């Protein structure tokens, strides 16, 4: 009943760490994940007296590339501001961010939910520095105090803020998936959520269906996975619906998602912008975007996921499923493109099938990307070609791939000598006759019209040939032999 009565309205705020080597305003390295606590810090990022920030040019380039990839309008001039609040992980007691004049606004990202295309508007993207990290436990040991690690403090972030266009947890999941793909393709970030390189906050409210006015929103923090976003939104919908239907009211607040309890919990009342006392940072000059520089950034953008999917389906005839799998990660798409280099278009579907099944299983099993594959794209192209030309059976191809994955080496000549299937009719017929003689009952059943009996005879032939007999030829010759 609640699902039919109430409409959920969601806006997402995604923080993405830019793929720079150093922090936003100092030369400290950004490789602090897993490093000893407070080993990647300096007087600038820890807010010592007398220091001045120096803007990282590469961070600006990546931020603008993200905005261009998301079809945003770029501002000719933007201003850095100080966002003032006190928290132990913020050593300066303010965060350098952008507020009234961010570098980009008014973008959009198309996503697909089932068969429906959903366009999510992007309100703004702005640059800011990350805060540190509070530690309340070390391993499984809970602490009786909180510790602060400033390694990620000062790391360059972009915050991507959507309009309240999302209406379900499925739409939110689809948007985040599409956003991650675009940011990875554009080379903006690795978006590794396990390392905190992509984090999400969700603003959620409910309103009766047909009502235009928005309800009171709650902001959910601590969402560190797409699955967590979906689960948190579903819970918050139920919580707010039950509250409204019982005569209560939703209050504007910040809530935390507890994945172990599958519930949100109140953290604090929700701040408004004026609570942060934003004002322009006096240590940083306005950021001006040179038109020629912007044109060079736009020209350098790669083919983005949606365009690549369209090309793979229309020009190469791939199924929508295979195109989605191949383009879900830039490294996987580039692996496929490399495997298809110099190959005829009719090889696209079998190559895609081999990659999405055999290669992807290996990658998932070791939690690595296609860029780290131990089998090169040229080897996959060779294996698929040998199957298409009848030299290798499907089973043989899997064995070849498994051996190549294990050793990291591949030689087409060696494969032909060791795994090539036998298609010589005389030799295969000899094995067929031997198999029929050894399985008289199956042979009689097959002659009597029991088609299933052919399976045991095929198995016997494959055993005699040590798996090298051409399966299609085996089936053909068995049927011919039982007729005579």
Protein backbone atom coordinates (compact mmCIF):
# COMPACT_ATOMS: atom_id res chain seq x y z
CA UNK A 1 0.00 0.00 0.00
CA UNK A 2 2.82 2.42 0.89
CA UNK A 3 4.47 1.87 -2.48
CA UNK A 4 1.25 2.87 -4.24
CA UNK A 5 0.61 5.89 -1.99
CA UNK A 6 4.03 7.51 -1.66
CA UNK A 7 6.59 8.60 -4.22
CA UNK A 8 10.24 8.63 -3.19
CA UNK A 9 12.34 11.62 -4.24
CA UNK A 10 16.10 11.21 -4.15
CA UNK A 11 19.06 13.46 -4.87
CA UNK A 12 22.59 12.07 -4.67
CA UNK A 13 25.86 13.73 -3.72
CA UNK A 14 28.83 11.72 -4.95
CA UNK A 15 32.37 12.48 -3.77
CA UNK A 16 35.00 11.19 -6.17
CA UNK A 17 38.73 11.31 -5.49
CA UNK A 18 40.61 12.54 -8.54
CA UNK A 19 43.40 10.37 -9.91
CA UNK A 20 46.30 12.68 -9.14
CA UNK A 21 49.66 11.73 -7.62
CA UNK A 22 49.58 14.57 -5.10
CA UNK A 23 46.99 16.36 -2.98
CA UNK A 24 44.91 19.37 -4.00
CA UNK A 25 46.93 22.13 -2.34
CA UNK A 26 50.26 20.52 -1.39
CA UNK A 27 52.82 18.04 -2.73
CA UNK A 28 51.97 15.18 -0.36
CA UNK A 29 51.28 11.90 -2.15
CA UNK A 30 47.72 10.59 -2.41
CA UNK A 31 48.76 6.93 -1.93
CA UNK A 32 47.88 7.01 1.75
CA UNK A 33 45.45 4.07 1.72
CA UNK A 34 47.00 1.29 3.80
CA UNK A 35 50.05 3.42 4.68
CA UNK A 36 51.02 4.07 8.33
CA UNK A 37 48.72 6.64 9.90
CA UNK A 38 49.76 10.28 9.41
CA UNK A 39 52.73 9.35 7.20
CA UNK A 40 51.45 11.29 4.15
CA UNK A 41 51.10 14.73 5.68
CA UNK A 42 52.83 18.13 5.71
CA UNK A 43 52.29 21.57 7.31
CA UNK A 44 49.90 22.60 4.49
CA UNK A 45 47.43 19.70 4.66
CA UNK A 46 47.50 19.65 8.47
CA UNK A 47 46.76 23.38 8.69
CA UNK A 48 49.90 24.64 10.43
CA UNK A 49 50.20 28.42 10.95
CA UNK A 50 51.83 30.47 8.20
CA UNK A 51 51.40 28.04 5.29
CA UNK A 52 49.71 28.78 1.96
CA UNK A 53 47.83 26.45 -0.42
CA UNK A 54 49.07 25.96 -4.01
CA UNK A 55 46.45 24.60 -6.44
CA UNK A 56 47.20 21.28 -8.20
CA UNK A 57 46.85 21.90 -11.96
CA UNK A 58 46.32 18.21 -12.76
CA UNK A 59 43.40 18.06 -10.32
CA UNK A 60 41.77 20.96 -12.16
CA UNK A 61 42.27 19.21 -15.52
CA UNK A 62 40.64 16.01 -14.26
CA UNK A 63 37.77 17.91 -12.66
CA UNK A 64 37.04 19.75 -15.90
CA UNK A 65 37.28 16.48 -17.87
CA UNK A 66 34.62 15.02 -15.57
CA UNK A 67 32.35 18.00 -16.18
CA UNK A 68 32.83 17.77 -19.95
CA UNK A 69 32.09 14.04 -19.93
CA UNK A 70 28.87 14.75 -17.99
CA UNK A 71 27.78 17.48 -20.43
CA UNK A 72 28.05 20.27 -17.85
CA UNK A 73 28.21 23.99 -18.54
CA UNK A 74 31.65 25.26 -17.47
CA UNK A 75 32.02 28.59 -15.73
CA UNK A 76 34.66 30.97 -17.13
CA UNK A 77 35.58 31.82 -13.54
CA UNK A 78 35.00 29.99 -10.27
CA UNK A 79 35.81 30.82 -6.65
CA UNK A 80 37.23 28.72 -3.84
CA UNK A 81 35.48 29.18 -0.50
CA UNK A 82 36.07 28.23 3.09
CA UNK A 83 33.44 25.93 4.57
CA UNK A 84 33.73 26.47 8.32
CA UNK A 85 32.93 23.77 10.82
CA UNK A 86 34.71 22.06 13.68
CA UNK A 87 35.36 18.35 13.59
CA UNK A 88 38.45 16.40 14.71
CA UNK A 89 39.29 15.22 11.16
CA UNK A 90 39.44 18.81 9.86
CA UNK A 91 42.72 20.32 11.13
CA UNK A 92 42.14 23.89 9.83
CA UNK A 93 38.56 23.95 11.20
CA UNK A 94 37.49 24.77 7.64
CA UNK A 95 37.43 22.88 4.35
CA UNK A 96 38.48 24.53 1.10
CA UNK A 97 35.57 23.95 -1.26
CA UNK A 98 33.40 25.87 -3.73
CA UNK A 99 29.95 27.23 -2.95
CA UNK A 100 28.33 30.16 -4.75
CA UNK A 101 30.51 29.97 -7.86
CA UNK A 102 31.46 26.34 -8.66
CA UNK A 103 33.35 25.51 -11.83
CA UNK A 104 30.44 23.66 -13.50
CA UNK A 105 26.66 23.36 -13.49
CA UNK A 106 23.70 21.95 -15.42
CA UNK A 107 24.88 18.58 -16.70
CA UNK A 108 23.05 15.32 -17.25
CA UNK A 109 23.62 11.59 -17.38
CA UNK A 110 21.40 9.07 -19.14
CA UNK A 111 20.94 5.72 -17.41
CA UNK A 112 18.95 2.61 -18.19
CA UNK A 113 16.63 0.89 -15.72
CA UNK A 114 15.33 -2.25 -17.38
CA UNK A 115 14.13 -1.14 -20.81
CA UNK A 116 13.56 2.46 -19.72
CA UNK A 117 15.99 5.33 -20.32
CA UNK A 118 16.26 7.70 -17.37
CA UNK A 119 17.89 11.14 -17.65
CA UNK A 120 19.27 12.40 -14.34
CA UNK A 121 20.12 16.09 -14.26
CA UNK A 122 23.34 17.17 -12.56
CA UNK A 123 22.91 20.38 -10.57
CA UNK A 124 26.59 21.15 -10.05
CA UNK A 125 30.11 19.78 -9.75
CA UNK A 126 32.63 21.50 -7.53
CA UNK A 127 36.22 20.98 -6.39
CA UNK A 128 37.16 20.51 -2.75
CA UNK A 129 39.71 18.93 -0.46
CA UNK A 130 39.00 15.77 1.52
CA UNK A 131 39.00 15.57 5.30
CA UNK A 132 40.94 13.08 7.39
CA UNK A 133 39.58 9.83 8.77
CA UNK A 134 38.45 9.06 12.29
CA UNK A 135 39.33 5.61 13.62
CA UNK A 136 37.10 4.14 16.31
CA UNK A 137 38.58 0.65 16.15
CA UNK A 138 41.74 -1.07 14.98
CA UNK A 139 40.98 -4.39 13.35
CA UNK A 140 38.40 -6.09 15.57
CA UNK A 141 39.48 -4.16 18.66
CA UNK A 142 37.20 -1.31 19.67
CA UNK A 143 38.98 1.73 21.09
CA UNK A 144 37.93 3.71 24.15
CA UNK A 145 38.92 6.84 22.24
CA UNK A 146 38.93 8.06 18.64
CA UNK A 147 42.14 8.40 16.62
CA UNK A 148 42.64 10.62 13.58
CA UNK A 149 44.54 9.69 10.40
CA UNK A 150 45.20 12.70 8.15
CA UNK A 151 46.68 10.71 5.25
CA UNK A 152 43.72 11.42 2.98
CA UNK A 153 43.21 14.94 4.34
CA UNK A 154 43.68 17.36 1.45
CA UNK A 155 43.16 14.75 -1.27
CA UNK A 156 41.45 16.27 -4.34
CA UNK A 157 37.73 15.58 -4.67
CA UNK A 158 34.92 16.54 -6.97
CA UNK A 159 31.42 16.55 -5.53
CA UNK A 160 28.76 15.70 -8.12
CA UNK A 161 25.30 16.82 -6.98
CA UNK A 162 22.19 15.68 -8.82
CA UNK A 163 18.81 17.33 -9.04
CA UNK A 164 16.08 15.42 -7.13
CA UNK A 165 15.28 13.35 -10.22
CA UNK A 166 15.65 9.81 -8.85
CA UNK A 167 12.49 7.96 -7.88
CA UNK A 168 13.63 4.53 -6.71
CA UNK A 169 16.57 2.60 -5.30
CA UNK A 170 16.94 0.87 -8.70
CA UNK A 171 17.28 4.23 -10.44
CA UNK A 172 19.88 5.32 -7.88
CA UNK A 173 21.85 2.12 -8.43
CA UNK A 174 21.70 2.57 -12.22
CA UNK A 175 22.82 6.21 -11.96
CA UNK A 176 25.82 5.35 -9.77
CA UNK A 177 26.83 2.51 -12.07
CA UNK A 178 26.66 4.76 -15.13
CA UNK A 179 28.50 7.58 -13.32
CA UNK A 180 31.33 5.28 -12.29
CA UNK A 181 31.69 4.06 -15.88
CA UNK A 182 31.90 7.61 -17.26
CA UNK A 183 34.45 8.76 -14.66
CA UNK A 184 36.63 5.71 -15.29
CA UNK A 185 36.43 6.07 -19.08
CA UNK A 186 37.33 9.76 -18.87
CA UNK A 187 40.40 8.85 -16.81
CA UNK A 188 39.18 11.01 -13.93
CA UNK A 189 39.39 8.39 -11.18
CA UNK A 190 39.67 4.69 -10.50
CA UNK A 191 36.51 5.02 -8.34
CA UNK A 192 37.72 2.26 -6.01
CA UNK A 193 35.04 2.29 -3.31
CA UNK A 194 37.03 -0.05 -1.06
CA UNK A 195 39.69 2.67 -0.84
CA UNK A 196 37.14 5.44 -0.34
CA UNK A 197 37.74 6.91 -3.81
CA UNK A 198 33.99 7.12 -4.45
CA UNK A 199 31.52 7.87 -1.67
CA UNK A 200 27.87 8.78 -1.73
CA UNK A 201 25.35 10.66 0.41
CA UNK A 202 21.64 10.45 -0.38
CA UNK A 203 18.90 13.01 0.28
CA UNK A 204 15.56 11.23 0.60
CA UNK A 205 12.00 12.49 0.97
CA UNK A 206 8.50 11.19 0.31
CA UNK A 207 5.45 12.87 -1.16
CA UNK A 208 1.98 11.61 -2.13
CA UNK A 209 1.76 10.59 -5.77
CA UNK A 210 0.61 13.54 -7.87
CA UNK A 211 1.89 16.17 -5.45
CA UNK A 212 4.54 18.56 -6.83
CA UNK A 213 5.77 19.95 -3.51
CA UNK A 214 8.68 18.02 -2.01
CA UNK A 215 8.51 16.45 1.41
CA UNK A 216 11.00 16.98 4.24
CA UNK A 217 14.28 15.29 3.40
CA UNK A 218 16.70 13.26 5.42
CA UNK A 219 20.33 12.92 4.37
CA UNK A 220 21.87 9.45 4.63
CA UNK A 221 25.62 9.23 5.08
CA UNK A 222 28.10 6.36 5.36
CA UNK A 223 27.09 4.77 2.05
CA UNK A 224 30.23 3.06 0.75
CA UNK A 225 28.79 0.66 -1.82
CA UNK A 226 26.15 0.74 -4.53
CA UNK A 227 24.42 -2.17 -2.82
CA UNK A 228 24.42 -0.16 0.41
CA UNK A 229 22.80 2.79 -1.35
CA UNK A 230 20.01 0.59 -2.67
CA UNK A 231 19.39 -1.06 0.70
CA UNK A 232 19.52 2.23 2.62
CA UNK A 233 17.02 3.90 0.27
CA UNK A 234 14.60 0.99 0.54
CA UNK A 235 14.83 1.11 4.34
CA UNK A 236 14.41 4.88 4.48
CA UNK A 237 11.34 4.69 2.23
CA UNK A 238 9.72 2.23 4.64
CA UNK A 239 10.73 4.29 7.70
CA UNK A 240 9.35 7.57 6.37
CA UNK A 241 6.19 5.96 4.99
CA UNK A 242 5.40 4.31 8.34
CA UNK A 243 6.09 7.58 10.14
CA UNK A 244 3.81 9.61 7.87
CA UNK A 245 1.02 7.04 7.87
CA UNK A 246 1.01 6.91 11.68
CA UNK A 247 0.45 10.68 11.87
CA UNK A 248 4.07 11.63 12.57
CA UNK A 249 6.29 13.94 10.59
CA UNK A 250 9.71 13.59 9.03
CA UNK A 251 12.33 15.95 10.43
CA UNK A 252 15.26 17.34 8.46
CA UNK A 253 18.26 15.50 9.78
CA UNK A 254 21.43 13.61 8.91
CA UNK A 255 21.22 9.85 9.38
CA UNK A 256 23.85 7.12 9.27
CA UNK A 257 23.44 3.80 7.48
CA UNK A 258 24.40 0.75 9.54
CA UNK A 259 24.89 -2.13 7.10
CA UNK A 260 25.13 -4.72 9.89
CA UNK A 261 21.70 -3.75 11.22
CA UNK A 262 20.26 -2.84 7.81
CA UNK A 263 18.87 0.41 9.22
CA UNK A 264 19.50 4.16 9.35
CA UNK A 265 20.02 5.99 12.64
CA UNK A 266 19.78 9.67 13.52
CA UNK A 267 23.17 11.42 13.70
CA UNK A 268 22.38 15.14 13.99
CA UNK A 269 19.98 17.80 12.76
CA UNK A 270 20.67 18.73 9.14
CA UNK A 271 22.75 21.86 8.66
CA UNK A 272 21.85 24.60 6.21
CA UNK A 273 24.41 26.38 4.03
CA UNK A 274 24.50 29.44 6.29
CA UNK A 275 25.61 27.24 9.19
CA UNK A 276 28.96 26.80 7.47
CA UNK A 277 29.62 30.58 7.10
CA UNK A 278 31.02 30.24 3.58
CA UNK A 279 33.26 33.06 2.38
CA UNK A 280 35.85 33.32 -0.46
CA UNK A 281 39.24 31.90 0.51
CA UNK A 282 41.63 34.87 0.70
CA UNK A 283 44.67 32.70 -0.05
CA UNK A 284 43.41 31.49 -3.46
CA UNK A 285 42.79 33.54 -6.58
CA UNK A 286 39.75 32.88 -8.81
CA UNK A 287 40.07 29.87 -11.11
CA UNK A 288 39.82 30.97 -14.75
CA UNK A 289 39.12 28.51 -17.57
CA UNK A 290 41.00 29.38 -20.76
CA UNK A 291 38.82 28.56 -23.82
CA UNK A 292 41.71 27.05 -25.81
CA UNK A 293 42.65 24.87 -22.85
CA UNK A 294 39.05 23.70 -22.48
CA UNK A 295 38.92 22.85 -26.19
CA UNK A 296 42.04 20.69 -25.83
CA UNK A 297 40.51 18.86 -22.85
CA UNK A 298 37.30 18.20 -24.77
CA UNK A 299 39.23 16.92 -27.79
CA UNK A 300 41.16 14.52 -25.56
CA UNK A 301 38.04 12.85 -24.13
CA UNK A 302 37.80 9.17 -25.13
CA UNK A 303 34.71 7.47 -26.54
CA UNK A 304 32.35 7.24 -23.56
CA UNK A 305 30.44 4.09 -22.51
CA UNK A 306 27.06 4.89 -24.11
CA UNK A 307 28.64 5.73 -27.46
CA UNK A 308 30.82 2.62 -27.36
CA UNK A 309 27.85 0.39 -26.52
CA UNK A 310 25.92 1.82 -29.47
CA UNK A 311 28.86 1.20 -31.81
CA UNK A 312 29.36 -2.38 -30.64
CA UNK A 313 25.70 -3.26 -31.15
CA UNK A 314 25.09 -1.42 -34.41
CA UNK A 315 28.39 -1.91 -36.24
CA UNK A 316 29.57 -5.24 -34.85
CA UNK A 317 26.19 -6.81 -34.14
CA UNK A 318 26.84 -7.64 -30.49
CA UNK A 319 23.92 -8.45 -28.23
CA UNK A 320 22.90 -5.76 -25.73
CA UNK A 321 24.04 -8.04 -22.91
CA UNK A 322 27.54 -8.58 -24.31
CA UNK A 323 27.90 -4.88 -25.10
CA UNK A 324 26.90 -3.97 -21.53
CA UNK A 325 29.38 -6.43 -20.01
CA UNK A 326 32.24 -5.38 -22.28
CA UNK A 327 31.75 -1.65 -21.72
CA UNK A 328 31.11 -1.85 -17.98
CA UNK A 329 34.84 -1.35 -17.40
CA UNK A 330 37.12 0.59 -19.69
CA UNK A 331 39.91 -2.00 -19.42
CA UNK A 332 37.52 -4.78 -20.50
CA UNK A 333 36.29 -2.76 -23.49
CA UNK A 334 39.87 -2.02 -24.55
CA UNK A 335 40.77 -5.70 -24.20
CA UNK A 336 37.93 -6.61 -26.58
CA UNK A 337 38.89 -3.89 -29.05
CA UNK A 338 42.49 -5.12 -29.01
CA UNK A 339 41.38 -8.73 -29.55
CA UNK A 340 39.27 -7.62 -32.53
CA UNK A 341 42.08 -5.59 -34.10
CA UNK A 342 42.52 -6.80 -37.67
CA UNK A 343 39.75 -9.40 -37.28
CA UNK A 344 36.64 -9.65 -39.51
CA UNK A 345 33.36 -8.37 -38.07
CA UNK A 346 31.90 -11.89 -37.94
CA UNK A 347 34.42 -12.72 -35.23
CA UNK A 348 32.93 -10.09 -32.90
CA UNK A 349 30.18 -12.22 -31.34
CA UNK A 350 32.31 -15.33 -30.62
CA UNK A 351 35.13 -13.12 -29.32
CA UNK A 352 32.72 -11.26 -27.06
CA UNK A 353 31.25 -14.53 -25.80
CA UNK A 354 34.71 -15.94 -25.02
CA UNK A 355 35.73 -12.80 -23.14
CA UNK A 356 32.49 -12.43 -21.17
CA UNK A 357 32.55 -16.10 -20.14
CA UNK A 358 36.11 -17.44 -19.94
CA UNK A 359 38.13 -14.29 -19.31
CA UNK A 360 35.64 -12.61 -17.00
CA UNK A 361 35.40 -15.73 -14.82
CA UNK A 362 39.17 -15.69 -14.31
CA UNK A 363 39.25 -11.95 -13.60
CA UNK A 364 36.41 -12.16 -11.09
CA UNK A 365 38.01 -15.15 -9.42
CA UNK A 366 41.17 -13.17 -8.73
CA UNK A 367 39.47 -9.77 -8.32
CA UNK A 368 41.61 -8.12 -11.00
CA UNK A 369 40.82 -6.02 -14.07
CA UNK A 370 41.25 -6.93 -17.72
CA UNK A 371 44.34 -4.70 -17.78
CA UNK A 372 45.99 -7.26 -15.47
CA UNK A 373 45.04 -10.33 -17.53
CA UNK A 374 47.82 -12.90 -17.91
CA UNK A 375 46.45 -13.84 -21.34
CA UNK A 376 46.91 -11.15 -23.98
CA UNK A 377 44.14 -10.00 -26.34
CA UNK A 378 46.10 -11.39 -29.31
CA UNK A 379 46.04 -14.84 -27.69
CA UNK A 380 42.26 -14.68 -27.23
CA UNK A 381 41.89 -13.63 -30.87
CA UNK A 382 44.03 -16.61 -31.92
CA UNK A 383 42.04 -19.08 -29.80
CA UNK A 384 38.71 -17.82 -31.14
CA UNK A 385 40.07 -17.98 -34.69
CA UNK A 386 41.18 -21.59 -34.24
CA UNK A 387 37.70 -22.53 -33.00
CA UNK A 388 36.04 -20.73 -35.92
CA UNK A 389 38.29 -22.51 -38.45
CA UNK A 390 37.60 -25.92 -36.88
CA UNK A 391 41.14 -26.50 -35.62
CA UNK A 392 40.06 -26.32 -31.96
CA UNK A 393 36.92 -27.61 -30.31
CA UNK A 394 35.10 -25.49 -27.74
CA UNK A 395 36.38 -27.78 -25.02
CA UNK A 396 39.88 -27.58 -26.42
CA UNK A 397 39.68 -23.79 -26.45
CA UNK A 398 38.85 -23.76 -22.74
CA UNK A 399 41.78 -26.07 -22.01
CA UNK A 400 44.13 -23.90 -24.06
CA UNK A 401 42.96 -20.77 -22.27
CA UNK A 402 43.32 -22.39 -18.84
CA UNK A 403 46.87 -23.48 -19.64
CA UNK A 404 47.77 -20.05 -21.02
CA UNK A 405 46.33 -18.38 -17.91
CA UNK A 406 48.37 -20.63 -15.67
CA UNK A 407 51.67 -20.22 -17.51
CA UNK A 408 51.21 -16.70 -18.89
CA UNK A 409 52.47 -17.97 -22.26
CA UNK A 410 50.72 -18.76 -25.53
CA UNK A 411 51.95 -20.12 -28.88
CA UNK A 412 49.54 -20.87 -31.72
CA UNK A 413 51.94 -23.44 -33.22
CA UNK A 414 52.22 -25.25 -29.89
CA UNK A 415 48.44 -25.23 -29.52
CA UNK A 416 47.98 -26.79 -32.94
CA UNK A 417 50.45 -29.56 -32.14
CA UNK A 418 48.97 -30.34 -28.73
CA UNK A 419 45.26 -29.51 -28.91
CA UNK A 420 44.23 -29.41 -32.57
CA UNK A 421 41.14 -31.49 -33.18
CA UNK A 422 41.13 -34.26 -35.74
CA UNK A 423 38.86 -33.62 -38.73
CA UNK A 424 40.18 -36.38 -40.97
CA UNK A 425 37.07 -38.44 -41.89
CA UNK A 426 38.97 -41.70 -42.25
CA UNK A 427 40.50 -41.47 -38.77
CA UNK A 428 37.28 -40.28 -37.13
CA UNK A 429 35.26 -43.06 -38.85
CA UNK A 430 37.71 -45.63 -37.50
CA UNK A 431 37.06 -44.35 -33.96
CA UNK A 432 33.29 -44.33 -34.61
CA UNK A 433 33.28 -47.97 -35.73
CA UNK A 434 35.34 -48.99 -32.70
CA UNK A 435 32.96 -47.10 -30.37
CA UNK A 436 29.87 -48.72 -31.96
CA UNK A 437 31.41 -52.18 -31.61
CA UNK A 438 32.20 -51.51 -27.95
CA UNK A 439 28.68 -50.22 -27.21
CA UNK A 440 26.29 -52.60 -29.07
CA UNK A 441 23.25 -51.74 -26.94
CA UNK A 442 23.63 -48.02 -27.55
CA UNK A 443 24.15 -48.71 -31.27
CA UNK A 444 20.94 -50.79 -31.39
CA UNK A 445 19.00 -48.14 -29.47
CA UNK A 446 20.18 -45.49 -31.91
CA UNK A 447 19.16 -47.62 -34.89
CA UNK A 448 15.78 -48.04 -33.21
CA UNK A 449 15.22 -44.29 -33.14
CA UNK A 450 16.37 -43.47 -29.61
CA UNK A 451 18.30 -40.29 -30.35
CA UNK A 452 19.61 -39.93 -26.79
CA UNK A 453 21.71 -43.03 -27.24
CA UNK A 454 24.10 -41.06 -29.44
CA UNK A 455 25.54 -39.38 -26.34
CA UNK A 456 27.28 -42.48 -25.01
CA UNK A 457 28.74 -43.27 -28.43
CA UNK A 458 30.03 -39.70 -28.84
CA UNK A 459 31.59 -39.98 -25.39
CA UNK A 460 33.29 -43.22 -26.37
CA UNK A 461 34.70 -41.65 -29.55
CA UNK A 462 36.02 -38.66 -27.63
CA UNK A 463 37.68 -40.99 -25.16
CA UNK A 464 39.34 -42.96 -27.95
CA UNK A 465 40.53 -39.74 -29.61
CA UNK A 466 41.65 -38.22 -26.28
CA UNK A 467 39.20 -35.38 -26.87
CA UNK A 468 40.63 -34.40 -30.25
CA UNK A 469 37.93 -35.66 -32.61
CA UNK A 470 35.86 -32.91 -34.25
CA UNK A 471 32.49 -33.14 -32.38
CA UNK A 472 30.40 -32.06 -35.35
CA UNK A 473 32.08 -34.63 -37.60
CA UNK A 474 31.70 -37.33 -34.93
CA UNK A 475 27.92 -36.79 -34.75
CA UNK A 476 27.64 -36.80 -38.55
CA UNK A 477 29.65 -40.02 -39.01
CA UNK A 478 27.85 -41.87 -36.21
CA UNK A 479 24.48 -41.19 -37.86
CA UNK A 480 25.85 -42.33 -41.21
CA UNK A 481 27.38 -45.48 -39.71
CA UNK A 482 24.18 -46.71 -38.02
CA UNK A 483 22.21 -46.33 -41.25
CA UNK A 484 24.52 -48.74 -43.13
